[in-house]
Amino acid sequence: MEAAVRERETAEEARRGIQVYSEFPQDLERLAEVWAAKRAEWQRLADLMERSGWSVYTPEKDARGTTWAREREERRQRVLDKHAEHMARQRGERALLEEQAASVRLERLERFVRESVLPNTHPHTTARRQVLEALGEAGGLCTARTRNADGDVVVCALDAGHYDPANQPPARGGEPGGWHKADGSIWNDSGAAAIPHAAR
């Protein structure tokens, strides 16, 4: 009886265009169809129980109901699978967009470093070496290293292959001759803390 009343009231509201205020918007025509289907199913169950002499409904003995339930579950699962595929596709698209945005940001940063930072560094300095390392272009530099007076590790900032221990630096001018140089440090490979080029 309740289903019949709900079906009739909902159908009348839909016919008259009555707006039902609800937290969840509803299609009144569709809702009326749902109530009609519920009423039909309840009537079928009542007739089945009466014909079969059941006092309690047993789903396992209701072949048609079991088939419908299985079909409903299959339809529900298909909808869930489709929704999961849609969400996965959206996540993949978002990840691709984020990856593209990150690539653009990296390209902008590299262009800024190459055009604005690198030209403002002096040759044969640690600062220039660090910029070249950040750009992935320090492969042609010497890798010899030592420790300065403060105990910090310094790496030669000259080109690889420059080392000539016999070409000693002049007494003045700060030029390294054939020795290693990084900022104010000049050294050769004979020092206790020195590590030659390519020796890691």
N, C-alpha and C. Protein backbone atom coordinates (compact mmCIF):
# COMPACT_ATOMS: atom_id res chain seq x y z
N MET A 1 0.83 -1.20 0.00
CA MET A 1 0.00 0.00 0.00
C MET A 1 0.86 1.25 0.00
N GLU A 2 1.94 1.25 0.81
CA GLU A 2 2.79 2.44 0.87
C GLU A 2 3.40 2.73 -0.48
N ALA A 3 3.87 1.66 -1.17
CA ALA A 3 4.48 1.86 -2.47
C ALA A 3 3.47 2.43 -3.46
N ALA A 4 2.24 1.94 -3.41
CA ALA A 4 1.20 2.44 -4.32
C ALA A 4 0.92 3.91 -4.06
N VAL A 5 0.85 4.29 -2.77
CA VAL A 5 0.60 5.69 -2.41
C VAL A 5 1.76 6.56 -2.87
N ARG A 6 2.97 6.12 -2.59
CA ARG A 6 4.15 6.89 -2.99
C ARG A 6 4.20 7.04 -4.52
N GLU A 7 3.91 5.95 -5.21
CA GLU A 7 3.92 5.99 -6.67
C GLU A 7 2.90 7.00 -7.18
N ARG A 8 1.69 6.96 -6.63
CA ARG A 8 0.62 7.86 -7.09
C ARG A 8 0.95 9.32 -6.76
N GLU A 9 1.44 9.56 -5.53
CA GLU A 9 1.76 10.94 -5.13
C GLU A 9 2.91 11.50 -5.96
N THR A 10 3.95 10.70 -6.17
CA THR A 10 5.11 11.17 -6.93
C THR A 10 4.75 11.44 -8.37
N ALA A 11 3.96 10.53 -8.97
CA ALA A 11 3.54 10.75 -10.34
C ALA A 11 2.69 12.02 -10.47
N GLU A 12 1.83 12.29 -9.48
CA GLU A 12 0.99 13.49 -9.50
C GLU A 12 1.85 14.74 -9.36
N GLU A 13 2.82 14.68 -8.47
CA GLU A 13 3.72 15.84 -8.31
C GLU A 13 4.50 16.12 -9.59
N ALA A 14 4.93 15.06 -10.27
CA ALA A 14 5.66 15.24 -11.52
C ALA A 14 4.74 15.82 -12.59
N ARG A 15 3.47 15.34 -12.64
CA ARG A 15 2.53 15.82 -13.65
C ARG A 15 2.20 17.29 -13.44
N ARG A 16 2.06 17.70 -12.16
CA ARG A 16 1.70 19.08 -11.85
C ARG A 16 2.90 20.00 -11.78
N GLY A 17 4.11 19.43 -11.90
CA GLY A 17 5.31 20.26 -11.89
C GLY A 17 5.65 20.79 -10.52
N ILE A 18 5.24 20.07 -9.47
CA ILE A 18 5.52 20.51 -8.10
C ILE A 18 7.01 20.30 -7.80
N GLN A 19 7.65 21.35 -7.28
CA GLN A 19 9.07 21.27 -6.94
C GLN A 19 9.22 20.74 -5.51
N VAL A 20 9.93 19.63 -5.37
CA VAL A 20 10.17 19.04 -4.07
C VAL A 20 11.56 19.50 -3.59
N TYR A 21 11.59 20.18 -2.46
CA TYR A 21 12.87 20.68 -1.94
C TYR A 21 13.53 19.59 -1.12
N SER A 22 14.73 19.25 -1.53
CA SER A 22 15.45 18.18 -0.87
C SER A 22 16.95 18.46 -0.95
N GLU A 23 17.67 17.92 0.01
CA GLU A 23 19.12 18.06 -0.02
C GLU A 23 19.70 17.40 -1.25
N PHE A 24 19.01 16.35 -1.73
CA PHE A 24 19.45 15.63 -2.91
C PHE A 24 18.41 15.81 -4.02
N PRO A 25 18.76 16.50 -5.11
CA PRO A 25 17.81 16.73 -6.20
C PRO A 25 17.29 15.40 -6.73
N GLN A 26 15.96 15.34 -7.08
CA GLN A 26 15.35 14.11 -7.51
C GLN A 26 14.59 14.34 -8.81
N ASP A 27 14.60 13.31 -9.65
CA ASP A 27 13.78 13.28 -10.86
C ASP A 27 12.46 12.60 -10.48
N LEU A 28 11.38 13.38 -10.42
CA LEU A 28 10.11 12.84 -9.92
C LEU A 28 9.58 11.74 -10.82
N GLU A 29 9.74 11.87 -12.12
CA GLU A 29 9.26 10.82 -13.01
C GLU A 29 10.02 9.52 -12.77
N ARG A 30 11.33 9.65 -12.62
CA ARG A 30 12.13 8.46 -12.35
C ARG A 30 11.78 7.87 -10.99
N LEU A 31 11.55 8.74 -10.00
CA LEU A 31 11.18 8.27 -8.67
C LEU A 31 9.85 7.52 -8.71
N ALA A 32 8.91 8.02 -9.50
CA ALA A 32 7.62 7.34 -9.64
C ALA A 32 7.81 5.95 -10.25
N GLU A 33 8.71 5.86 -11.23
CA GLU A 33 8.98 4.56 -11.84
C GLU A 33 9.58 3.60 -10.83
N VAL A 34 10.45 4.12 -9.96
CA VAL A 34 11.07 3.27 -8.94
C VAL A 34 10.01 2.73 -7.99
N TRP A 35 9.10 3.60 -7.54
CA TRP A 35 8.05 3.15 -6.63
C TRP A 35 7.13 2.15 -7.32
N ALA A 36 6.86 2.34 -8.61
CA ALA A 36 6.02 1.40 -9.36
C ALA A 36 6.70 0.04 -9.43
N ALA A 37 8.02 0.05 -9.67
CA ALA A 37 8.75 -1.21 -9.74
C ALA A 37 8.78 -1.90 -8.38
N LYS A 38 8.93 -1.12 -7.32
CA LYS A 38 8.91 -1.71 -5.97
C LYS A 38 7.56 -2.35 -5.69
N ARG A 39 6.51 -1.62 -6.06
CA ARG A 39 5.17 -2.15 -5.79
C ARG A 39 4.93 -3.44 -6.57
N ALA A 40 5.39 -3.48 -7.82
CA ALA A 40 5.22 -4.68 -8.64
C ALA A 40 5.98 -5.86 -8.05
N GLU A 41 7.20 -5.58 -7.57
CA GLU A 41 8.02 -6.65 -6.99
C GLU A 41 7.40 -7.16 -5.70
N TRP A 42 6.93 -6.23 -4.86
CA TRP A 42 6.30 -6.66 -3.60
C TRP A 42 5.04 -7.48 -3.88
N GLN A 43 4.29 -7.09 -4.90
CA GLN A 43 3.08 -7.85 -5.25
C GLN A 43 3.44 -9.24 -5.75
N ARG A 44 4.55 -9.31 -6.55
CA ARG A 44 5.00 -10.61 -7.05
C ARG A 44 5.40 -11.52 -5.89
N LEU A 45 6.10 -10.96 -4.92
CA LEU A 45 6.52 -11.76 -3.77
C LEU A 45 5.33 -12.24 -2.96
N ALA A 46 4.36 -11.34 -2.80
CA ALA A 46 3.16 -11.73 -2.04
C ALA A 46 2.42 -12.86 -2.74
N ASP A 47 2.26 -12.77 -4.07
CA ASP A 47 1.59 -13.83 -4.83
C ASP A 47 2.37 -15.14 -4.77
N LEU A 48 3.72 -15.05 -4.87
CA LEU A 48 4.56 -16.24 -4.82
C LEU A 48 4.43 -16.93 -3.47
N MET A 49 4.47 -16.18 -2.39
CA MET A 49 4.37 -16.77 -1.06
C MET A 49 3.00 -17.41 -0.85
N GLU A 50 1.99 -16.77 -1.39
CA GLU A 50 0.62 -17.32 -1.23
C GLU A 50 0.49 -18.62 -2.01
N ARG A 51 0.99 -18.63 -3.26
CA ARG A 51 0.88 -19.84 -4.09
C ARG A 51 1.70 -20.98 -3.50
N SER A 52 2.88 -20.62 -2.93
CA SER A 52 3.78 -21.66 -2.44
C SER A 52 3.48 -22.05 -1.00
N GLY A 53 2.61 -21.31 -0.34
CA GLY A 53 2.26 -21.62 1.03
C GLY A 53 3.39 -21.31 2.01
N TRP A 54 4.22 -20.28 1.68
CA TRP A 54 5.33 -19.91 2.55
C TRP A 54 4.84 -18.97 3.64
N SER A 55 5.31 -19.19 4.84
CA SER A 55 5.03 -18.23 5.91
C SER A 55 6.16 -17.19 5.99
N VAL A 56 7.33 -17.58 5.50
CA VAL A 56 8.50 -16.70 5.47
C VAL A 56 9.11 -16.76 4.08
N TYR A 57 9.49 -15.61 3.54
CA TYR A 57 10.10 -15.55 2.21
C TYR A 57 11.51 -16.14 2.26
N THR A 58 11.77 -17.05 1.34
CA THR A 58 13.08 -17.69 1.24
C THR A 58 13.68 -17.36 -0.12
N PRO A 59 14.69 -16.47 -0.15
CA PRO A 59 15.27 -16.05 -1.44
C PRO A 59 15.79 -17.22 -2.27
N GLU A 60 16.38 -18.25 -1.60
CA GLU A 60 16.96 -19.36 -2.35
C GLU A 60 15.94 -20.11 -3.19
N LYS A 61 14.64 -20.05 -2.80
CA LYS A 61 13.59 -20.76 -3.53
C LYS A 61 12.94 -19.88 -4.58
N ASP A 62 13.34 -18.62 -4.64
CA ASP A 62 12.76 -17.69 -5.60
C ASP A 62 13.72 -17.54 -6.78
N ALA A 63 13.52 -18.40 -7.80
CA ALA A 63 14.45 -18.42 -8.93
C ALA A 63 14.47 -17.07 -9.66
N ARG A 64 13.27 -16.52 -9.92
CA ARG A 64 13.22 -15.26 -10.65
C ARG A 64 13.86 -14.14 -9.84
N GLY A 65 13.53 -14.07 -8.54
CA GLY A 65 14.11 -13.02 -7.70
C GLY A 65 15.62 -13.14 -7.60
N THR A 66 16.11 -14.40 -7.51
CA THR A 66 17.56 -14.61 -7.44
C THR A 66 18.23 -14.16 -8.73
N THR A 67 17.60 -14.46 -9.86
CA THR A 67 18.15 -14.04 -11.15
C THR A 67 18.18 -12.52 -11.25
N TRP A 68 17.09 -11.88 -10.86
CA TRP A 68 17.04 -10.42 -10.91
C TRP A 68 18.10 -9.80 -9.98
N ALA A 69 18.24 -10.40 -8.81
CA ALA A 69 19.23 -9.87 -7.85
C ALA A 69 20.64 -9.99 -8.43
N ARG A 70 20.91 -11.14 -9.09
CA ARG A 70 22.23 -11.31 -9.69
C ARG A 70 22.45 -10.31 -10.83
N GLU A 71 21.41 -10.09 -11.63
CA GLU A 71 21.52 -9.13 -12.73
C GLU A 71 21.73 -7.71 -12.21
N ARG A 72 21.01 -7.38 -11.11
CA ARG A 72 21.19 -6.05 -10.51
C ARG A 72 22.62 -5.87 -10.01
N GLU A 73 23.16 -6.91 -9.38
CA GLU A 73 24.52 -6.84 -8.86
C GLU A 73 25.52 -6.72 -10.00
N GLU A 74 25.26 -7.43 -11.11
CA GLU A 74 26.15 -7.34 -12.27
C GLU A 74 26.11 -5.93 -12.87
N ARG A 75 24.90 -5.36 -12.96
CA ARG A 75 24.79 -3.99 -13.48
C ARG A 75 25.50 -3.01 -12.55
N ARG A 76 25.30 -3.21 -11.25
CA ARG A 76 25.96 -2.34 -10.27
C ARG A 76 27.47 -2.43 -10.38
N GLN A 77 27.98 -3.66 -10.55
CA GLN A 77 29.42 -3.85 -10.66
C GLN A 77 29.96 -3.20 -11.92
N ARG A 78 29.19 -3.30 -13.02
CA ARG A 78 29.63 -2.66 -14.26
C ARG A 78 29.73 -1.14 -14.09
N VAL A 79 28.74 -0.58 -13.38
CA VAL A 79 28.77 0.86 -13.13
C VAL A 79 29.98 1.23 -12.27
N LEU A 80 30.23 0.42 -11.23
CA LEU A 80 31.38 0.69 -10.36
C LEU A 80 32.69 0.57 -11.12
N ASP A 81 32.79 -0.46 -11.98
CA ASP A 81 34.01 -0.65 -12.77
C ASP A 81 34.23 0.52 -13.72
N LYS A 82 33.12 0.97 -14.35
CA LYS A 82 33.22 2.10 -15.28
C LYS A 82 33.65 3.36 -14.53
N HIS A 83 33.08 3.54 -13.33
CA HIS A 83 33.46 4.71 -12.53
C HIS A 83 34.93 4.62 -12.13
N ALA A 84 35.38 3.43 -11.74
CA ALA A 84 36.79 3.26 -11.35
C ALA A 84 37.71 3.55 -12.53
N GLU A 85 37.32 3.09 -13.73
CA GLU A 85 38.13 3.37 -14.92
C GLU A 85 38.18 4.87 -15.20
N HIS A 86 37.03 5.52 -15.03
CA HIS A 86 36.97 6.98 -15.26
C HIS A 86 37.88 7.71 -14.27
N MET A 87 37.83 7.32 -13.00
CA MET A 87 38.66 7.97 -12.00
C MET A 87 40.15 7.71 -12.27
N ALA A 88 40.48 6.48 -12.67
CA ALA A 88 41.87 6.16 -12.98
C ALA A 88 42.35 6.99 -14.17
N ARG A 89 41.47 7.13 -15.17
CA ARG A 89 41.84 7.93 -16.34
C ARG A 89 42.05 9.39 -15.96
N GLN A 90 41.19 9.90 -15.08
CA GLN A 90 41.35 11.28 -14.62
C GLN A 90 42.65 11.46 -13.85
N ARG A 91 42.97 10.46 -12.97
CA ARG A 91 44.22 10.55 -12.22
C ARG A 91 45.41 10.53 -13.17
N GLY A 92 45.33 9.68 -14.20
CA GLY A 92 46.42 9.62 -15.17
C GLY A 92 46.58 10.93 -15.92
N GLU A 93 45.43 11.54 -16.29
CA GLU A 93 45.49 12.82 -17.00
C GLU A 93 46.06 13.90 -16.11
N ARG A 94 45.65 13.90 -14.82
CA ARG A 94 46.18 14.91 -13.89
C ARG A 94 47.68 14.72 -13.70
N ALA A 95 48.10 13.46 -13.58
CA ALA A 95 49.52 13.18 -13.39
C ALA A 95 50.32 13.65 -14.61
N LEU A 96 49.75 13.44 -15.82
CA LEU A 96 50.42 13.89 -17.04
C LEU A 96 50.53 15.40 -17.08
N LEU A 97 49.44 16.08 -16.70
CA LEU A 97 49.47 17.54 -16.68
C LEU A 97 50.48 18.06 -15.66
N GLU A 98 50.53 17.41 -14.49
CA GLU A 98 51.49 17.83 -13.47
C GLU A 98 52.92 17.60 -13.95
N GLU A 99 53.13 16.47 -14.64
CA GLU A 99 54.46 16.18 -15.16
C GLU A 99 54.87 17.21 -16.22
N GLN A 100 53.91 17.56 -17.09
CA GLN A 100 54.19 18.56 -18.11
C GLN A 100 54.48 19.92 -17.48
N ALA A 101 53.69 20.27 -16.45
CA ALA A 101 53.92 21.55 -15.77
C ALA A 101 55.29 21.58 -15.09
N ALA A 102 55.66 20.45 -14.47
CA ALA A 102 56.97 20.37 -13.82
C ALA A 102 58.08 20.50 -14.85
N SER A 103 57.88 19.89 -16.02
CA SER A 103 58.89 19.98 -17.08
C SER A 103 59.04 21.41 -17.56
N VAL A 104 57.92 22.12 -17.69
CA VAL A 104 57.96 23.52 -18.12
C VAL A 104 58.69 24.37 -17.08
N ARG A 105 58.37 24.13 -15.79
CA ARG A 105 59.04 24.88 -14.73
C ARG A 105 60.55 24.62 -14.74
N LEU A 106 60.92 23.35 -14.96
CA LEU A 106 62.34 23.01 -14.99
C LEU A 106 63.04 23.69 -16.17
N GLU A 107 62.36 23.73 -17.32
CA GLU A 107 62.94 24.39 -18.49
C GLU A 107 63.12 25.88 -18.23
N ARG A 108 62.14 26.50 -17.59
CA ARG A 108 62.24 27.92 -17.27
C ARG A 108 63.39 28.18 -16.29
N LEU A 109 63.52 27.28 -15.28
CA LEU A 109 64.60 27.44 -14.31
C LEU A 109 65.95 27.28 -14.98
N GLU A 110 66.07 26.28 -15.85
CA GLU A 110 67.34 26.06 -16.54
C GLU A 110 67.68 27.27 -17.41
N ARG A 111 66.68 27.82 -18.11
CA ARG A 111 66.93 28.99 -18.95
C ARG A 111 67.37 30.19 -18.11
N PHE A 112 66.74 30.35 -16.95
CA PHE A 112 67.12 31.45 -16.06
C PHE A 112 68.56 31.29 -15.57
N VAL A 113 68.91 30.06 -15.15
CA VAL A 113 70.27 29.81 -14.65
C VAL A 113 71.28 30.04 -15.77
N ARG A 114 70.95 29.56 -16.97
CA ARG A 114 71.89 29.67 -18.08
C ARG A 114 72.06 31.12 -18.55
N GLU A 115 70.95 31.86 -18.55
CA GLU A 115 70.99 33.21 -19.11
C GLU A 115 71.31 34.28 -18.07
N SER A 116 70.97 34.04 -16.80
CA SER A 116 71.13 35.09 -15.79
C SER A 116 72.17 34.78 -14.71
N VAL A 117 72.29 33.50 -14.33
CA VAL A 117 73.20 33.15 -13.23
C VAL A 117 74.60 32.86 -13.75
N LEU A 118 74.70 31.99 -14.75
CA LEU A 118 76.01 31.58 -15.26
C LEU A 118 76.86 32.76 -15.74
N PRO A 119 76.30 33.71 -16.50
CA PRO A 119 77.14 34.83 -16.96
C PRO A 119 77.69 35.69 -15.82
N ASN A 120 77.09 35.63 -14.66
CA ASN A 120 77.55 36.45 -13.54
C ASN A 120 78.55 35.74 -12.64
N THR A 121 78.96 34.54 -13.01
CA THR A 121 79.99 33.83 -12.25
C THR A 121 81.34 34.01 -12.94
N HIS A 122 82.39 34.01 -12.16
CA HIS A 122 83.74 34.19 -12.71
C HIS A 122 84.35 32.83 -13.06
N PRO A 123 85.15 32.80 -14.12
CA PRO A 123 85.81 31.54 -14.49
C PRO A 123 86.71 31.03 -13.36
N HIS A 124 86.84 29.72 -13.30
CA HIS A 124 87.74 29.06 -12.36
C HIS A 124 87.37 29.35 -10.90
N THR A 125 86.06 29.43 -10.64
CA THR A 125 85.59 29.63 -9.26
C THR A 125 84.65 28.50 -8.89
N THR A 126 84.51 28.29 -7.59
CA THR A 126 83.58 27.26 -7.10
C THR A 126 82.15 27.58 -7.50
N ALA A 127 81.80 28.86 -7.47
CA ALA A 127 80.44 29.26 -7.84
C ALA A 127 80.12 28.85 -9.27
N ARG A 128 81.07 29.08 -10.19
CA ARG A 128 80.82 28.72 -11.59
C ARG A 128 80.73 27.19 -11.73
N ARG A 129 81.61 26.48 -11.01
CA ARG A 129 81.56 25.02 -11.07
C ARG A 129 80.20 24.51 -10.61
N GLN A 130 79.68 25.08 -9.51
CA GLN A 130 78.39 24.64 -8.98
C GLN A 130 77.27 24.87 -9.98
N VAL A 131 77.32 26.01 -10.69
CA VAL A 131 76.29 26.29 -11.69
C VAL A 131 76.40 25.30 -12.84
N LEU A 132 77.62 25.01 -13.29
CA LEU A 132 77.81 24.05 -14.37
C LEU A 132 77.35 22.65 -13.95
N GLU A 133 77.60 22.29 -12.68
CA GLU A 133 77.13 20.99 -12.18
C GLU A 133 75.61 20.93 -12.19
N ALA A 134 74.97 22.04 -11.79
CA ALA A 134 73.50 22.08 -11.79
C ALA A 134 72.95 21.92 -13.19
N LEU A 135 73.68 22.45 -14.18
CA LEU A 135 73.25 22.34 -15.58
C LEU A 135 73.67 21.02 -16.21
N GLY A 136 74.44 20.21 -15.46
CA GLY A 136 74.92 18.95 -15.99
C GLY A 136 76.03 19.12 -17.00
N GLU A 137 76.78 20.21 -16.88
CA GLU A 137 77.82 20.52 -17.87
C GLU A 137 79.20 20.64 -17.23
N ALA A 138 79.42 19.97 -16.11
CA ALA A 138 80.71 20.04 -15.43
C ALA A 138 81.61 18.86 -15.76
N GLY A 139 81.23 18.06 -16.74
CA GLY A 139 82.00 16.86 -17.06
C GLY A 139 83.39 17.14 -17.58
N GLY A 140 83.62 18.34 -18.11
CA GLY A 140 84.94 18.65 -18.65
C GLY A 140 85.86 19.30 -17.66
N LEU A 141 85.45 19.38 -16.39
CA LEU A 141 86.27 20.04 -15.38
C LEU A 141 87.13 19.03 -14.62
N CYS A 142 88.22 19.53 -14.10
CA CYS A 142 89.10 18.72 -13.27
C CYS A 142 88.38 18.34 -11.97
N THR A 143 88.65 17.15 -11.47
CA THR A 143 88.00 16.68 -10.24
C THR A 143 88.95 16.61 -9.06
N ALA A 144 90.16 17.12 -9.21
CA ALA A 144 91.12 17.10 -8.09
C ALA A 144 90.57 17.92 -6.94
N ARG A 145 90.89 17.49 -5.73
CA ARG A 145 90.35 18.19 -4.56
C ARG A 145 91.35 18.20 -3.42
N THR A 146 91.10 19.11 -2.48
CA THR A 146 91.91 19.20 -1.27
C THR A 146 91.08 19.86 -0.20
N ARG A 147 91.73 20.21 0.93
CA ARG A 147 91.05 20.96 1.97
C ARG A 147 91.75 22.30 2.13
N ASN A 148 90.92 23.35 2.29
CA ASN A 148 91.50 24.68 2.47
C ASN A 148 91.87 24.91 3.93
N ALA A 149 92.28 26.14 4.25
CA ALA A 149 92.73 26.44 5.61
C ALA A 149 91.63 26.28 6.64
N ASP A 150 90.37 26.38 6.20
CA ASP A 150 89.24 26.21 7.13
C ASP A 150 88.83 24.75 7.27
N GLY A 151 89.47 23.88 6.53
CA GLY A 151 89.13 22.46 6.61
C GLY A 151 88.03 22.05 5.65
N ASP A 152 87.58 22.98 4.81
CA ASP A 152 86.52 22.66 3.85
C ASP A 152 87.11 22.01 2.61
N VAL A 153 86.37 21.07 2.03
CA VAL A 153 86.80 20.43 0.79
C VAL A 153 86.57 21.40 -0.37
N VAL A 154 87.58 21.59 -1.20
CA VAL A 154 87.46 22.41 -2.40
C VAL A 154 87.85 21.57 -3.60
N VAL A 155 87.16 21.80 -4.71
CA VAL A 155 87.39 21.03 -5.93
C VAL A 155 87.94 21.96 -6.99
N CYS A 156 88.91 21.50 -7.71
CA CYS A 156 89.53 22.31 -8.75
C CYS A 156 88.49 22.79 -9.75
N ALA A 157 88.61 24.06 -10.16
CA ALA A 157 87.64 24.66 -11.08
C ALA A 157 88.20 24.82 -12.48
N LEU A 158 89.40 24.26 -12.74
CA LEU A 158 90.00 24.36 -14.07
C LEU A 158 89.55 23.19 -14.95
N ASP A 159 89.90 23.26 -16.22
CA ASP A 159 89.51 22.20 -17.14
C ASP A 159 90.33 20.94 -16.88
N ALA A 160 89.71 19.79 -17.14
CA ALA A 160 90.42 18.52 -16.99
C ALA A 160 91.62 18.49 -17.95
N GLY A 161 92.73 17.90 -17.50
CA GLY A 161 93.93 17.79 -18.31
C GLY A 161 94.89 18.96 -18.17
N HIS A 162 94.54 19.92 -17.34
CA HIS A 162 95.39 21.10 -17.19
C HIS A 162 96.63 20.83 -16.33
N TYR A 163 96.62 19.79 -15.51
CA TYR A 163 97.60 19.66 -14.43
C TYR A 163 99.01 19.39 -14.98
N ASP A 164 99.93 20.20 -14.51
CA ASP A 164 101.35 20.04 -14.84
C ASP A 164 102.15 20.45 -13.61
N PRO A 165 102.57 19.50 -12.78
CA PRO A 165 103.23 19.85 -11.52
C PRO A 165 104.53 20.62 -11.72
N ALA A 166 105.15 20.44 -12.88
CA ALA A 166 106.41 21.15 -13.12
C ALA A 166 106.18 22.64 -13.39
N ASN A 167 104.99 22.99 -13.84
CA ASN A 167 104.67 24.40 -14.12
C ASN A 167 104.17 25.04 -12.83
N GLN A 168 105.08 25.47 -12.01
CA GLN A 168 104.72 26.01 -10.70
C GLN A 168 104.09 27.40 -10.83
N PRO A 169 103.17 27.71 -9.92
CA PRO A 169 102.53 29.02 -9.97
C PRO A 169 103.52 30.13 -9.67
N PRO A 170 103.38 31.30 -10.30
CA PRO A 170 104.26 32.43 -10.00
C PRO A 170 104.09 32.89 -8.57
N ALA A 171 105.08 33.63 -8.08
CA ALA A 171 105.05 34.09 -6.69
C ALA A 171 103.92 35.07 -6.44
N ARG A 172 103.55 35.81 -7.47
CA ARG A 172 102.49 36.79 -7.32
C ARG A 172 101.47 36.66 -8.45
N GLY A 173 100.32 37.29 -8.22
CA GLY A 173 99.29 37.34 -9.26
C GLY A 173 98.16 36.36 -9.08
N GLY A 174 98.35 35.34 -8.25
CA GLY A 174 97.27 34.39 -7.99
C GLY A 174 97.00 33.42 -9.12
N GLU A 175 97.90 33.33 -10.10
CA GLU A 175 97.72 32.37 -11.19
C GLU A 175 98.26 31.01 -10.77
N PRO A 176 97.61 29.92 -11.19
CA PRO A 176 98.01 28.60 -10.69
C PRO A 176 99.14 27.94 -11.46
N GLY A 177 99.52 28.53 -12.59
CA GLY A 177 100.48 27.82 -13.43
C GLY A 177 99.84 26.53 -13.91
N GLY A 178 100.51 25.40 -13.66
CA GLY A 178 99.92 24.11 -14.04
C GLY A 178 99.27 23.39 -12.88
N TRP A 179 99.17 24.05 -11.73
CA TRP A 179 98.58 23.42 -10.55
C TRP A 179 97.06 23.60 -10.53
N HIS A 180 96.46 23.05 -9.49
CA HIS A 180 95.00 23.15 -9.34
C HIS A 180 94.62 24.49 -8.71
N LYS A 181 93.37 24.93 -9.03
CA LYS A 181 92.92 26.20 -8.47
C LYS A 181 91.41 26.16 -8.27
N ALA A 182 90.97 26.72 -7.14
CA ALA A 182 89.55 26.92 -6.86
C ALA A 182 89.44 28.14 -5.96
N ASP A 183 88.87 29.20 -6.46
CA ASP A 183 88.79 30.46 -5.72
C ASP A 183 90.22 30.89 -5.31
N GLY A 184 90.47 31.06 -4.02
CA GLY A 184 91.79 31.51 -3.58
C GLY A 184 92.76 30.39 -3.28
N SER A 185 92.33 29.15 -3.48
CA SER A 185 93.19 28.00 -3.16
C SER A 185 93.94 27.52 -4.40
N ILE A 186 95.26 27.31 -4.24
CA ILE A 186 96.10 26.74 -5.30
C ILE A 186 96.90 25.61 -4.67
N TRP A 187 96.93 24.45 -5.30
CA TRP A 187 97.62 23.29 -4.72
C TRP A 187 98.07 22.31 -5.80
N ASN A 188 98.93 21.40 -5.41
CA ASN A 188 99.32 20.31 -6.30
C ASN A 188 98.94 18.98 -5.66
N ASP A 189 99.19 17.91 -6.36
CA ASP A 189 98.73 16.59 -5.90
C ASP A 189 99.61 15.97 -4.82
N SER A 190 100.68 16.66 -4.43
CA SER A 190 101.57 16.07 -3.43
C SER A 190 101.15 16.36 -2.00
N GLY A 191 100.19 17.25 -1.81
CA GLY A 191 99.75 17.58 -0.46
C GLY A 191 99.07 16.41 0.22
N ALA A 192 99.12 16.40 1.55
CA ALA A 192 98.55 15.29 2.32
C ALA A 192 97.04 15.16 2.10
N ALA A 193 96.37 16.29 1.93
CA ALA A 193 94.92 16.25 1.77
C ALA A 193 94.48 16.20 0.32
N ALA A 194 95.46 16.21 -0.60
CA ALA A 194 95.13 16.29 -2.02
C ALA A 194 94.65 14.96 -2.57
N ILE A 195 93.64 15.03 -3.42
CA ILE A 195 93.15 13.86 -4.14
C ILE A 195 93.24 14.19 -5.62
N PRO A 196 94.01 13.47 -6.40
CA PRO A 196 94.22 13.81 -7.81
C PRO A 196 92.94 13.73 -8.64
N HIS A 197 93.02 14.28 -9.84
CA HIS A 197 91.90 14.24 -10.78
C HIS A 197 91.50 12.80 -11.07
N ALA A 198 90.20 12.55 -11.08
CA ALA A 198 89.62 11.24 -11.42
C ALA A 198 89.88 10.18 -10.36
N ALA A 199 90.54 10.52 -9.27
CA ALA A 199 90.73 9.55 -8.18
C ALA A 199 89.64 9.78 -7.15
N ARG A 200 88.62 8.90 -7.09
CA ARG A 200 87.47 9.10 -6.21
C ARG A 200 87.53 8.11 -5.04
